[in-house]
């Protein structure tokens, strides 16, 4: 069984959907697609100011337009592109008060962007495009908390297969510390085992398929 992993640092649900569309242009359709979901995908999908603030200083893409998604008042999903630009507020680096206000503004802007709703809409669109091609589709939650629980519940209510493969990242050894705070190899193995068990039960019942 061939497995293609499209996981990329900094990517979200929208980027996965666009990768899927590009993949289909040059490859046979897959049997199944799994989209992972984490709470921080909300800001990535909407390119919220908090996300731009975090990545713009390290981006080598300059003013290249990047994809983002938004919902209109009727709840319709729209995809767009805009440069990854972040402008600091005056005196932000010199005044703790100004920086605090800027942070609160960023949080308010992210709330207004309805990132969780955008993520659900993107996952539903992803599922619809797979369904139209007779491709199995599932959403795997990789973080814990309210956002992840509500997104998985919304997907399940829409008839999308879901699975929670998250782990407690506060446990010793769960992160790749002291190098960075990404999940460790041990945690990645847990993700793989839980996802494999789910796929076998949900999509590929019967004897295990040899690689």
N, C-alpha and C. Protein backbone atom coordinates (compact mmCIF):
# COMPACT_ATOMS: atom_id res chain seq x y z
N UNK A 1 0.85 -1.19 0.00
CA UNK A 1 0.00 0.00 0.00
C UNK A 1 0.89 1.24 0.00
N UNK A 2 0.70 2.13 -0.97
CA UNK A 2 1.47 3.37 -1.04
C UNK A 2 0.78 4.45 -0.22
N UNK A 3 1.57 5.15 0.59
CA UNK A 3 1.05 6.24 1.41
C UNK A 3 1.79 7.52 1.06
N UNK A 4 1.07 8.57 0.74
CA UNK A 4 1.66 9.88 0.45
C UNK A 4 1.36 10.81 1.62
N UNK A 5 2.41 11.34 2.24
CA UNK A 5 2.26 12.24 3.38
C UNK A 5 2.53 13.67 2.90
N UNK A 6 1.51 14.53 3.01
CA UNK A 6 1.65 15.90 2.55
C UNK A 6 1.81 16.88 3.70
N UNK A 7 2.15 16.38 4.88
CA UNK A 7 2.31 17.26 6.02
C UNK A 7 3.47 18.23 5.83
N UNK A 8 3.22 19.52 6.03
CA UNK A 8 4.23 20.56 5.87
C UNK A 8 4.09 21.55 7.02
N UNK A 9 5.21 21.94 7.63
CA UNK A 9 5.17 22.93 8.69
C UNK A 9 4.48 24.21 8.21
N UNK A 10 3.57 24.72 9.01
CA UNK A 10 2.90 25.97 8.67
C UNK A 10 1.66 25.82 7.82
N UNK A 11 1.38 24.60 7.35
CA UNK A 11 0.20 24.38 6.51
C UNK A 11 -1.04 24.12 7.36
N UNK A 12 -2.20 24.34 6.76
CA UNK A 12 -3.46 24.09 7.42
C UNK A 12 -4.38 23.28 6.53
N UNK A 13 -5.67 23.30 6.84
CA UNK A 13 -6.65 22.53 6.08
C UNK A 13 -6.72 22.99 4.63
N UNK A 14 -6.73 24.29 4.41
CA UNK A 14 -6.81 24.83 3.05
C UNK A 14 -5.65 24.36 2.21
N UNK A 15 -4.44 24.38 2.76
CA UNK A 15 -3.27 23.95 2.01
C UNK A 15 -3.37 22.48 1.64
N UNK A 16 -3.92 21.67 2.56
CA UNK A 16 -4.11 20.26 2.26
C UNK A 16 -5.10 20.05 1.12
N UNK A 17 -6.17 20.84 1.10
CA UNK A 17 -7.16 20.74 0.02
C UNK A 17 -6.53 21.11 -1.31
N UNK A 18 -5.73 22.17 -1.33
CA UNK A 18 -5.08 22.58 -2.57
C UNK A 18 -4.06 21.55 -3.03
N UNK A 19 -3.34 20.94 -2.09
CA UNK A 19 -2.40 19.87 -2.45
C UNK A 19 -3.14 18.69 -3.06
N UNK A 20 -4.29 18.36 -2.50
CA UNK A 20 -5.10 17.27 -3.02
C UNK A 20 -5.51 17.53 -4.47
N UNK A 21 -5.94 18.74 -4.75
CA UNK A 21 -6.34 19.08 -6.11
C UNK A 21 -5.17 18.98 -7.08
N UNK A 22 -4.00 19.43 -6.65
CA UNK A 22 -2.82 19.33 -7.51
C UNK A 22 -2.41 17.88 -7.71
N UNK A 23 -2.50 17.08 -6.66
CA UNK A 23 -2.13 15.67 -6.74
C UNK A 23 -2.96 14.95 -7.79
N UNK A 24 -4.24 15.24 -7.84
CA UNK A 24 -5.13 14.55 -8.77
C UNK A 24 -4.82 14.88 -10.23
N UNK A 25 -4.13 15.98 -10.48
CA UNK A 25 -3.80 16.35 -11.85
C UNK A 25 -2.74 15.44 -12.46
N UNK A 26 -1.92 14.82 -11.62
CA UNK A 26 -0.79 14.04 -12.13
C UNK A 26 -0.73 12.61 -11.61
N UNK A 27 -1.66 12.24 -10.72
CA UNK A 27 -1.62 10.90 -10.14
C UNK A 27 -3.01 10.26 -10.21
N UNK A 28 -3.04 8.94 -10.18
CA UNK A 28 -4.34 8.25 -10.07
C UNK A 28 -4.99 8.63 -8.74
N UNK A 29 -6.30 8.58 -8.71
CA UNK A 29 -6.99 8.96 -7.47
C UNK A 29 -6.64 7.98 -6.36
N UNK A 30 -6.49 8.47 -5.14
CA UNK A 30 -6.20 7.58 -4.01
C UNK A 30 -7.45 6.83 -3.56
N UNK A 31 -7.23 5.76 -2.82
CA UNK A 31 -8.36 5.02 -2.26
C UNK A 31 -8.98 5.80 -1.11
N UNK A 32 -8.13 6.44 -0.32
CA UNK A 32 -8.62 7.17 0.85
C UNK A 32 -7.75 8.39 1.11
N UNK A 33 -8.34 9.38 1.73
CA UNK A 33 -7.64 10.61 2.12
C UNK A 33 -7.95 10.88 3.59
N UNK A 34 -6.92 11.23 4.36
CA UNK A 34 -7.10 11.62 5.76
C UNK A 34 -6.59 13.04 5.93
N UNK A 35 -7.44 13.93 6.40
CA UNK A 35 -7.03 15.30 6.72
C UNK A 35 -6.91 15.41 8.23
N UNK A 36 -5.77 15.86 8.70
CA UNK A 36 -5.62 16.07 10.14
C UNK A 36 -6.15 17.45 10.51
N UNK A 37 -6.58 17.58 11.75
CA UNK A 37 -7.05 18.88 12.24
C UNK A 37 -6.41 19.18 13.58
N UNK A 38 -5.91 20.41 13.72
CA UNK A 38 -5.40 20.93 14.99
C UNK A 38 -5.98 22.32 15.19
N UNK A 39 -6.15 22.73 16.43
CA UNK A 39 -6.80 24.01 16.70
C UNK A 39 -6.09 25.17 16.02
N UNK A 40 -4.76 25.08 15.87
CA UNK A 40 -4.02 26.19 15.27
C UNK A 40 -4.19 26.27 13.75
N UNK A 41 -4.85 25.29 13.16
CA UNK A 41 -5.17 25.37 11.74
C UNK A 41 -6.17 26.49 11.46
N UNK A 42 -6.97 26.86 12.46
CA UNK A 42 -7.95 27.92 12.26
C UNK A 42 -7.27 29.21 11.81
N UNK A 43 -6.22 29.61 12.51
CA UNK A 43 -5.51 30.84 12.16
C UNK A 43 -4.77 30.71 10.84
N UNK A 44 -4.28 29.52 10.54
CA UNK A 44 -3.58 29.31 9.27
C UNK A 44 -4.56 29.38 8.10
N UNK A 45 -5.73 28.79 8.28
CA UNK A 45 -6.71 28.78 7.20
C UNK A 45 -7.21 30.17 6.86
N UNK A 46 -7.33 31.04 7.86
CA UNK A 46 -7.84 32.39 7.65
C UNK A 46 -6.72 33.42 7.52
N UNK A 47 -5.48 32.98 7.64
CA UNK A 47 -4.31 33.85 7.64
C UNK A 47 -4.51 35.03 8.60
N UNK A 48 -4.89 34.69 9.81
CA UNK A 48 -5.15 35.70 10.83
C UNK A 48 -3.87 36.45 11.17
N UNK A 49 -4.03 37.63 11.73
CA UNK A 49 -2.88 38.47 12.07
C UNK A 49 -1.95 37.76 13.06
N UNK A 50 -2.50 37.01 13.99
CA UNK A 50 -1.67 36.25 14.92
C UNK A 50 -0.74 35.29 14.17
N UNK A 51 -1.28 34.64 13.13
CA UNK A 51 -0.48 33.71 12.33
C UNK A 51 0.58 34.47 11.53
N UNK A 52 0.19 35.59 10.92
CA UNK A 52 1.15 36.37 10.13
C UNK A 52 2.26 36.90 11.03
N UNK A 53 1.91 37.30 12.23
CA UNK A 53 2.91 37.80 13.17
C UNK A 53 3.92 36.73 13.53
N UNK A 54 3.45 35.49 13.64
CA UNK A 54 4.33 34.39 14.05
C UNK A 54 5.28 33.96 12.95
N UNK A 55 4.84 34.00 11.70
CA UNK A 55 5.65 33.42 10.62
C UNK A 55 6.30 34.43 9.70
N UNK A 56 5.77 35.64 9.60
CA UNK A 56 6.32 36.61 8.65
C UNK A 56 7.81 36.88 8.85
N UNK A 57 8.29 37.02 10.10
CA UNK A 57 9.73 37.30 10.28
C UNK A 57 10.64 36.20 9.76
N UNK A 58 10.12 34.98 9.61
CA UNK A 58 10.95 33.86 9.19
C UNK A 58 10.65 33.42 7.76
N UNK A 59 9.75 34.12 7.10
CA UNK A 59 9.33 33.71 5.76
C UNK A 59 10.29 34.23 4.71
N UNK A 60 10.70 33.34 3.80
CA UNK A 60 11.55 33.73 2.68
C UNK A 60 10.72 33.98 1.43
N UNK A 61 9.39 33.97 1.57
CA UNK A 61 8.52 34.12 0.42
C UNK A 61 8.25 35.57 0.07
N UNK A 62 8.64 36.49 0.95
CA UNK A 62 8.44 37.90 0.66
C UNK A 62 6.97 38.24 0.48
N UNK A 63 6.68 38.90 -0.62
CA UNK A 63 5.31 39.35 -0.87
C UNK A 63 4.52 38.38 -1.73
N UNK A 64 4.99 37.15 -1.86
CA UNK A 64 4.27 36.16 -2.66
C UNK A 64 2.87 35.95 -2.08
N UNK A 65 1.84 35.97 -2.92
CA UNK A 65 0.48 35.76 -2.41
C UNK A 65 0.28 34.33 -1.92
N UNK A 66 -0.33 34.20 -0.76
CA UNK A 66 -0.59 32.89 -0.17
C UNK A 66 -2.10 32.69 0.00
N UNK A 67 -2.54 31.43 -0.01
CA UNK A 67 -3.98 31.17 0.06
C UNK A 67 -4.56 31.37 1.46
N UNK A 68 -5.80 31.79 1.50
CA UNK A 68 -6.55 31.88 2.75
C UNK A 68 -8.03 31.73 2.43
N UNK A 69 -8.82 31.47 3.44
CA UNK A 69 -10.24 31.21 3.24
C UNK A 69 -11.08 32.07 4.17
N UNK A 70 -12.31 32.36 3.74
CA UNK A 70 -13.22 33.15 4.56
C UNK A 70 -14.66 32.79 4.22
N UNK A 71 -15.55 33.11 5.15
CA UNK A 71 -16.98 32.87 4.97
C UNK A 71 -17.71 34.19 4.83
N UNK A 72 -18.65 34.26 3.87
CA UNK A 72 -19.46 35.47 3.76
C UNK A 72 -20.62 35.39 4.75
N UNK A 73 -21.47 36.39 4.73
CA UNK A 73 -22.56 36.46 5.71
C UNK A 73 -23.54 35.31 5.55
N UNK A 74 -23.61 34.76 4.34
CA UNK A 74 -24.51 33.63 4.10
C UNK A 74 -23.87 32.30 4.45
N UNK A 75 -22.61 32.35 4.91
CA UNK A 75 -21.92 31.12 5.28
C UNK A 75 -21.25 30.41 4.13
N UNK A 76 -21.17 31.08 2.97
CA UNK A 76 -20.53 30.47 1.81
C UNK A 76 -19.01 30.60 1.92
N UNK A 77 -18.31 29.54 1.54
CA UNK A 77 -16.86 29.50 1.64
C UNK A 77 -16.23 30.16 0.42
N UNK A 78 -15.22 30.99 0.65
CA UNK A 78 -14.48 31.64 -0.43
C UNK A 78 -12.99 31.42 -0.21
N UNK A 79 -12.27 31.22 -1.29
CA UNK A 79 -10.82 31.07 -1.26
C UNK A 79 -10.19 32.27 -1.94
N UNK A 80 -9.10 32.76 -1.37
CA UNK A 80 -8.45 33.94 -1.92
C UNK A 80 -6.95 33.82 -1.71
N UNK A 81 -6.21 34.80 -2.22
CA UNK A 81 -4.76 34.85 -2.02
C UNK A 81 -4.36 36.27 -1.66
N UNK A 82 -3.40 36.38 -0.75
CA UNK A 82 -2.92 37.69 -0.33
C UNK A 82 -1.48 37.54 0.15
N UNK A 83 -0.65 38.59 0.03
CA UNK A 83 0.73 38.50 0.51
C UNK A 83 0.79 38.25 2.02
N UNK A 84 1.81 37.53 2.44
CA UNK A 84 2.01 37.26 3.87
C UNK A 84 2.67 38.48 4.49
N UNK A 85 1.86 39.49 4.78
CA UNK A 85 2.39 40.76 5.29
C UNK A 85 1.93 40.97 6.73
N UNK A 86 2.85 41.46 7.55
CA UNK A 86 2.52 41.81 8.93
C UNK A 86 3.17 43.15 9.24
N UNK A 87 2.36 44.11 9.66
CA UNK A 87 2.87 45.44 10.00
C UNK A 87 2.73 45.65 11.50
N UNK A 88 3.85 45.97 12.12
CA UNK A 88 3.82 46.24 13.55
C UNK A 88 3.15 47.58 13.83
N UNK A 89 2.59 47.70 15.01
CA UNK A 89 2.03 48.97 15.43
C UNK A 89 3.17 49.90 15.86
N UNK A 90 2.98 51.21 15.73
CA UNK A 90 4.00 52.15 16.22
C UNK A 90 4.28 51.93 17.71
N UNK A 91 5.54 51.92 18.07
CA UNK A 91 6.01 51.78 19.45
C UNK A 91 5.70 50.41 20.05
N UNK A 92 5.33 49.47 19.22
CA UNK A 92 5.00 48.13 19.72
C UNK A 92 6.19 47.47 20.39
N UNK A 93 7.39 47.72 19.88
CA UNK A 93 8.60 47.11 20.45
C UNK A 93 9.11 47.86 21.68
N UNK A 94 8.53 49.01 21.98
CA UNK A 94 9.05 49.83 23.07
C UNK A 94 8.08 49.96 24.24
N UNK A 95 6.81 49.69 23.99
CA UNK A 95 5.80 49.84 25.04
C UNK A 95 5.09 48.51 25.28
N UNK A 96 5.19 48.01 26.51
CA UNK A 96 4.50 46.77 26.85
C UNK A 96 2.99 46.95 26.74
N UNK A 97 2.49 48.14 27.07
CA UNK A 97 1.05 48.39 26.99
C UNK A 97 0.56 48.34 25.55
N UNK A 98 1.30 48.99 24.64
CA UNK A 98 0.90 48.98 23.23
C UNK A 98 0.95 47.56 22.69
N UNK A 99 1.99 46.83 23.07
CA UNK A 99 2.10 45.44 22.59
C UNK A 99 0.95 44.60 23.14
N UNK A 100 0.56 44.82 24.39
CA UNK A 100 -0.55 44.08 24.97
C UNK A 100 -1.85 44.39 24.22
N UNK A 101 -2.07 45.67 23.92
CA UNK A 101 -3.28 46.05 23.18
C UNK A 101 -3.26 45.43 21.79
N UNK A 102 -2.08 45.40 21.17
CA UNK A 102 -1.96 44.79 19.84
C UNK A 102 -2.28 43.31 19.90
N UNK A 103 -1.84 42.63 20.94
CA UNK A 103 -2.14 41.21 21.10
C UNK A 103 -3.64 40.99 21.27
N UNK A 104 -4.28 41.84 22.06
CA UNK A 104 -5.73 41.72 22.26
C UNK A 104 -6.47 41.98 20.94
N UNK A 105 -5.97 42.95 20.18
CA UNK A 105 -6.59 43.22 18.87
C UNK A 105 -6.45 42.00 17.96
N UNK A 106 -5.28 41.39 17.97
CA UNK A 106 -5.06 40.20 17.13
C UNK A 106 -6.03 39.09 17.50
N UNK A 107 -6.24 38.90 18.81
CA UNK A 107 -7.17 37.86 19.26
C UNK A 107 -8.60 38.19 18.81
N UNK A 108 -8.97 39.47 18.89
CA UNK A 108 -10.30 39.88 18.45
C UNK A 108 -10.47 39.66 16.96
N UNK A 109 -9.44 40.00 16.18
CA UNK A 109 -9.50 39.81 14.73
C UNK A 109 -9.63 38.33 14.38
N UNK A 110 -8.89 37.48 15.13
CA UNK A 110 -8.97 36.04 14.88
C UNK A 110 -10.37 35.52 15.21
N UNK A 111 -10.96 36.04 16.28
CA UNK A 111 -12.33 35.64 16.63
C UNK A 111 -13.31 36.05 15.53
N UNK A 112 -13.15 37.27 15.01
CA UNK A 112 -14.02 37.77 13.95
C UNK A 112 -13.88 36.96 12.66
N UNK A 113 -12.71 36.37 12.45
CA UNK A 113 -12.48 35.59 11.22
C UNK A 113 -13.22 34.26 11.23
N UNK A 114 -13.74 33.85 12.39
CA UNK A 114 -14.53 32.60 12.51
C UNK A 114 -13.72 31.41 12.02
N UNK A 115 -12.50 31.33 12.52
CA UNK A 115 -11.58 30.30 12.05
C UNK A 115 -12.10 28.88 12.19
N UNK A 116 -12.76 28.59 13.30
CA UNK A 116 -13.28 27.23 13.50
C UNK A 116 -14.34 26.91 12.45
N UNK A 117 -15.23 27.87 12.18
CA UNK A 117 -16.27 27.64 11.17
C UNK A 117 -15.66 27.50 9.78
N UNK A 118 -14.61 28.28 9.51
CA UNK A 118 -13.92 28.17 8.22
C UNK A 118 -13.29 26.79 8.08
N UNK A 119 -12.67 26.31 9.15
CA UNK A 119 -12.04 24.98 9.11
C UNK A 119 -13.08 23.90 8.82
N UNK A 120 -14.24 23.99 9.48
CA UNK A 120 -15.30 23.00 9.24
C UNK A 120 -15.77 23.07 7.79
N UNK A 121 -15.95 24.29 7.26
CA UNK A 121 -16.39 24.44 5.88
C UNK A 121 -15.37 23.86 4.90
N UNK A 122 -14.10 24.06 5.19
CA UNK A 122 -13.05 23.50 4.34
C UNK A 122 -13.05 21.98 4.38
N UNK A 123 -13.23 21.42 5.56
CA UNK A 123 -13.26 19.96 5.68
C UNK A 123 -14.48 19.38 4.98
N UNK A 124 -15.61 20.07 5.05
CA UNK A 124 -16.80 19.62 4.33
C UNK A 124 -16.57 19.68 2.82
N UNK A 125 -15.90 20.74 2.36
CA UNK A 125 -15.58 20.86 0.94
C UNK A 125 -14.64 19.75 0.51
N UNK A 126 -13.65 19.48 1.34
CA UNK A 126 -12.69 18.39 1.10
C UNK A 126 -13.44 17.07 0.96
N UNK A 127 -14.34 16.82 1.90
CA UNK A 127 -15.12 15.58 1.88
C UNK A 127 -15.98 15.48 0.63
N UNK A 128 -16.59 16.60 0.23
CA UNK A 128 -17.46 16.60 -0.95
C UNK A 128 -16.66 16.28 -2.21
N UNK A 129 -15.46 16.84 -2.32
CA UNK A 129 -14.64 16.58 -3.50
C UNK A 129 -14.17 15.13 -3.54
N UNK A 130 -13.91 14.55 -2.38
CA UNK A 130 -13.55 13.13 -2.33
C UNK A 130 -14.76 12.26 -2.67
N UNK A 131 -15.90 12.61 -2.10
CA UNK A 131 -17.12 11.83 -2.34
C UNK A 131 -17.47 11.82 -3.83
N UNK A 132 -17.27 12.95 -4.50
CA UNK A 132 -17.60 13.04 -5.93
C UNK A 132 -16.72 12.13 -6.77
N UNK A 133 -15.56 11.76 -6.23
CA UNK A 133 -14.62 10.90 -6.96
C UNK A 133 -14.58 9.49 -6.37
N UNK A 134 -15.51 9.19 -5.49
CA UNK A 134 -15.58 7.88 -4.84
C UNK A 134 -14.29 7.57 -4.07
N UNK A 135 -13.80 8.58 -3.35
CA UNK A 135 -12.61 8.45 -2.51
C UNK A 135 -13.05 8.51 -1.05
N UNK A 136 -12.61 7.57 -0.26
CA UNK A 136 -12.93 7.58 1.17
C UNK A 136 -12.23 8.77 1.82
N UNK A 137 -12.89 9.39 2.80
CA UNK A 137 -12.34 10.58 3.44
C UNK A 137 -12.60 10.54 4.94
N UNK A 138 -11.60 10.96 5.70
CA UNK A 138 -11.74 11.01 7.16
C UNK A 138 -10.98 12.21 7.70
N UNK A 139 -11.39 12.66 8.87
CA UNK A 139 -10.71 13.74 9.58
C UNK A 139 -10.15 13.17 10.88
N UNK A 140 -8.86 13.40 11.11
CA UNK A 140 -8.21 12.94 12.33
C UNK A 140 -7.81 14.13 13.19
N UNK A 141 -8.33 14.21 14.39
CA UNK A 141 -7.96 15.29 15.30
C UNK A 141 -6.65 14.99 15.99
N UNK A 142 -5.72 15.94 15.96
CA UNK A 142 -4.39 15.72 16.55
C UNK A 142 -4.12 16.62 17.75
N UNK A 143 -5.10 17.46 18.13
CA UNK A 143 -4.96 18.26 19.34
C UNK A 143 -6.21 18.10 20.19
N UNK A 144 -6.08 18.43 21.47
CA UNK A 144 -7.21 18.35 22.38
C UNK A 144 -7.76 19.74 22.65
N UNK A 145 -8.93 19.80 23.26
CA UNK A 145 -9.53 21.08 23.59
C UNK A 145 -10.85 21.30 22.88
N UNK A 146 -11.46 22.46 23.18
CA UNK A 146 -12.80 22.77 22.70
C UNK A 146 -12.87 22.84 21.18
N UNK A 147 -11.91 23.53 20.55
CA UNK A 147 -11.96 23.69 19.10
C UNK A 147 -11.93 22.35 18.39
N UNK A 148 -10.99 21.50 18.77
CA UNK A 148 -10.87 20.20 18.12
C UNK A 148 -12.13 19.36 18.32
N UNK A 149 -12.66 19.36 19.54
CA UNK A 149 -13.86 18.58 19.82
C UNK A 149 -15.04 19.06 19.00
N UNK A 150 -15.20 20.38 18.87
CA UNK A 150 -16.33 20.92 18.13
C UNK A 150 -16.18 20.70 16.63
N UNK A 151 -14.97 20.79 16.11
CA UNK A 151 -14.75 20.55 14.68
C UNK A 151 -15.04 19.09 14.35
N UNK A 152 -14.53 18.17 15.16
CA UNK A 152 -14.79 16.75 14.91
C UNK A 152 -16.28 16.45 15.02
N UNK A 153 -16.96 17.06 15.98
CA UNK A 153 -18.39 16.83 16.14
C UNK A 153 -19.17 17.35 14.94
N UNK A 154 -18.78 18.53 14.43
CA UNK A 154 -19.46 19.10 13.27
C UNK A 154 -19.24 18.23 12.04
N UNK A 155 -18.05 17.70 11.88
CA UNK A 155 -17.76 16.82 10.74
C UNK A 155 -18.56 15.52 10.86
N UNK A 156 -18.59 14.95 12.05
CA UNK A 156 -19.33 13.71 12.25
C UNK A 156 -20.82 13.92 11.97
N UNK A 157 -21.36 15.08 12.38
CA UNK A 157 -22.76 15.38 12.13
C UNK A 157 -23.06 15.51 10.64
N UNK A 158 -22.03 15.85 9.86
CA UNK A 158 -22.18 15.98 8.41
C UNK A 158 -21.92 14.66 7.69
N UNK A 159 -21.74 13.58 8.46
CA UNK A 159 -21.53 12.27 7.86
C UNK A 159 -20.10 11.96 7.48
N UNK A 160 -19.16 12.74 8.00
CA UNK A 160 -17.74 12.53 7.71
C UNK A 160 -17.14 11.62 8.78
N UNK A 161 -16.37 10.64 8.36
CA UNK A 161 -15.69 9.76 9.32
C UNK A 161 -14.66 10.56 10.10
N UNK A 162 -14.64 10.42 11.41
CA UNK A 162 -13.70 11.16 12.25
C UNK A 162 -13.06 10.24 13.27
N UNK A 163 -11.87 10.66 13.73
CA UNK A 163 -11.17 9.92 14.78
C UNK A 163 -10.30 10.90 15.55
N UNK A 164 -10.27 10.75 16.85
CA UNK A 164 -9.41 11.56 17.72
C UNK A 164 -8.16 10.75 18.04
N UNK A 165 -7.02 11.16 17.48
CA UNK A 165 -5.77 10.45 17.74
C UNK A 165 -4.84 11.29 18.61
N UNK A 166 -5.38 12.34 19.23
CA UNK A 166 -4.55 13.25 20.02
C UNK A 166 -3.98 12.57 21.25
N UNK A 167 -2.90 13.13 21.76
CA UNK A 167 -2.27 12.65 22.99
C UNK A 167 -2.07 13.83 23.92
N UNK A 168 -1.78 13.55 25.17
CA UNK A 168 -1.50 14.58 26.16
C UNK A 168 -0.06 15.05 25.98
N UNK A 169 0.12 16.19 25.33
CA UNK A 169 1.47 16.67 25.03
C UNK A 169 2.19 17.25 26.24
N UNK A 170 1.51 17.31 27.39
CA UNK A 170 2.18 17.78 28.60
C UNK A 170 2.92 16.66 29.32
N UNK A 171 2.72 15.42 28.88
CA UNK A 171 3.41 14.30 29.50
C UNK A 171 4.90 14.33 29.14
N UNK A 172 5.77 13.91 30.05
CA UNK A 172 7.21 13.87 29.76
C UNK A 172 7.50 13.01 28.53
N UNK A 173 8.31 13.54 27.63
CA UNK A 173 8.68 12.80 26.43
C UNK A 173 7.71 12.91 25.29
N UNK A 174 6.60 13.62 25.49
CA UNK A 174 5.60 13.74 24.42
C UNK A 174 6.01 14.75 23.36
N UNK A 175 6.89 15.68 23.73
CA UNK A 175 7.35 16.70 22.78
C UNK A 175 8.83 16.49 22.45
N UNK A 176 9.27 17.16 21.41
CA UNK A 176 10.64 17.02 20.93
C UNK A 176 11.58 17.98 21.66
N UNK A 177 11.36 18.15 22.94
CA UNK A 177 12.20 19.04 23.74
C UNK A 177 13.55 18.40 24.03
N UNK A 178 14.63 19.18 24.16
CA UNK A 178 14.68 20.64 24.20
C UNK A 178 14.84 21.30 22.83
N UNK A 179 14.76 20.54 21.77
CA UNK A 179 15.00 21.09 20.43
C UNK A 179 13.86 21.98 19.96
N UNK A 180 12.64 21.51 20.08
CA UNK A 180 11.45 22.31 19.78
C UNK A 180 10.26 21.65 20.46
N UNK A 181 9.09 22.29 20.35
CA UNK A 181 7.93 21.76 21.08
C UNK A 181 6.99 20.94 20.21
N UNK A 182 7.46 20.50 19.05
CA UNK A 182 6.64 19.62 18.22
C UNK A 182 6.53 18.24 18.88
N UNK A 183 5.53 17.46 18.49
CA UNK A 183 5.39 16.10 19.04
C UNK A 183 6.64 15.27 18.78
N UNK A 184 7.01 14.47 19.74
CA UNK A 184 8.22 13.64 19.65
C UNK A 184 7.98 12.43 18.76
N UNK A 185 9.06 11.69 18.49
CA UNK A 185 8.95 10.46 17.69
C UNK A 185 8.02 9.47 18.38
N UNK A 186 8.07 9.43 19.71
CA UNK A 186 7.19 8.53 20.46
C UNK A 186 5.73 8.89 20.23
N UNK A 187 5.44 10.19 20.26
CA UNK A 187 4.07 10.64 20.03
C UNK A 187 3.64 10.36 18.60
N UNK A 188 4.55 10.58 17.65
CA UNK A 188 4.22 10.30 16.26
C UNK A 188 3.86 8.82 16.07
N UNK A 189 4.55 7.96 16.80
CA UNK A 189 4.25 6.52 16.71
C UNK A 189 2.85 6.22 17.24
N UNK A 190 2.45 6.96 18.29
CA UNK A 190 1.09 6.79 18.83
C UNK A 190 0.06 7.25 17.80
N UNK A 191 0.32 8.42 17.19
CA UNK A 191 -0.57 8.89 16.13
C UNK A 191 -0.74 7.81 15.06
N UNK A 192 0.38 7.28 14.59
CA UNK A 192 0.36 6.30 13.50
C UNK A 192 -0.42 5.05 13.89
N UNK A 193 -0.19 4.57 15.11
CA UNK A 193 -0.88 3.35 15.55
C UNK A 193 -2.39 3.56 15.65
N UNK A 194 -2.79 4.69 16.21
CA UNK A 194 -4.22 4.96 16.37
C UNK A 194 -4.89 5.18 15.01
N UNK A 195 -4.21 5.90 14.13
CA UNK A 195 -4.78 6.14 12.80
C UNK A 195 -4.86 4.84 12.00
N UNK A 196 -3.83 4.02 12.11
CA UNK A 196 -3.82 2.74 11.40
C UNK A 196 -4.98 1.86 11.86
N UNK A 197 -5.19 1.79 13.18
CA UNK A 197 -6.28 0.97 13.71
C UNK A 197 -7.63 1.49 13.23
N UNK A 198 -7.78 2.81 13.19
CA UNK A 198 -9.03 3.40 12.72
C UNK A 198 -9.28 3.10 11.25
N UNK A 199 -8.25 3.26 10.42
CA UNK A 199 -8.42 3.03 8.98
C UNK A 199 -8.75 1.57 8.68
N UNK A 200 -8.11 0.66 9.40
CA UNK A 200 -8.40 -0.76 9.19
C UNK A 200 -9.85 -1.08 9.57
N UNK A 201 -10.31 -0.48 10.65
CA UNK A 201 -11.67 -0.76 11.09
C UNK A 201 -12.72 -0.05 10.23
N UNK A 202 -12.41 1.18 9.81
CA UNK A 202 -13.40 2.00 9.11
C UNK A 202 -13.41 1.78 7.60
N UNK A 203 -12.22 1.68 7.01
CA UNK A 203 -12.12 1.65 5.55
C UNK A 203 -11.62 0.33 4.98
N UNK A 204 -10.79 -0.38 5.72
CA UNK A 204 -10.15 -1.58 5.19
C UNK A 204 -10.32 -2.77 6.13
N UNK A 205 -11.55 -3.18 6.42
CA UNK A 205 -11.75 -4.33 7.31
C UNK A 205 -11.25 -5.61 6.67
N UNK A 206 -10.89 -6.56 7.51
CA UNK A 206 -10.38 -7.82 7.00
C UNK A 206 -8.93 -8.00 7.37
N UNK A 207 -8.25 -8.99 6.77
CA UNK A 207 -6.84 -9.24 7.07
C UNK A 207 -5.98 -8.02 6.78
N UNK A 208 -4.96 -7.82 7.59
CA UNK A 208 -4.05 -6.70 7.40
C UNK A 208 -3.38 -6.79 6.04
N UNK A 209 -3.25 -5.63 5.38
CA UNK A 209 -2.61 -5.58 4.06
C UNK A 209 -1.11 -5.44 4.25
N UNK A 210 -0.34 -6.29 3.58
CA UNK A 210 1.11 -6.22 3.68
C UNK A 210 1.63 -5.04 2.87
N UNK A 211 2.62 -4.29 3.40
CA UNK A 211 3.15 -3.14 2.67
C UNK A 211 3.90 -3.59 1.41
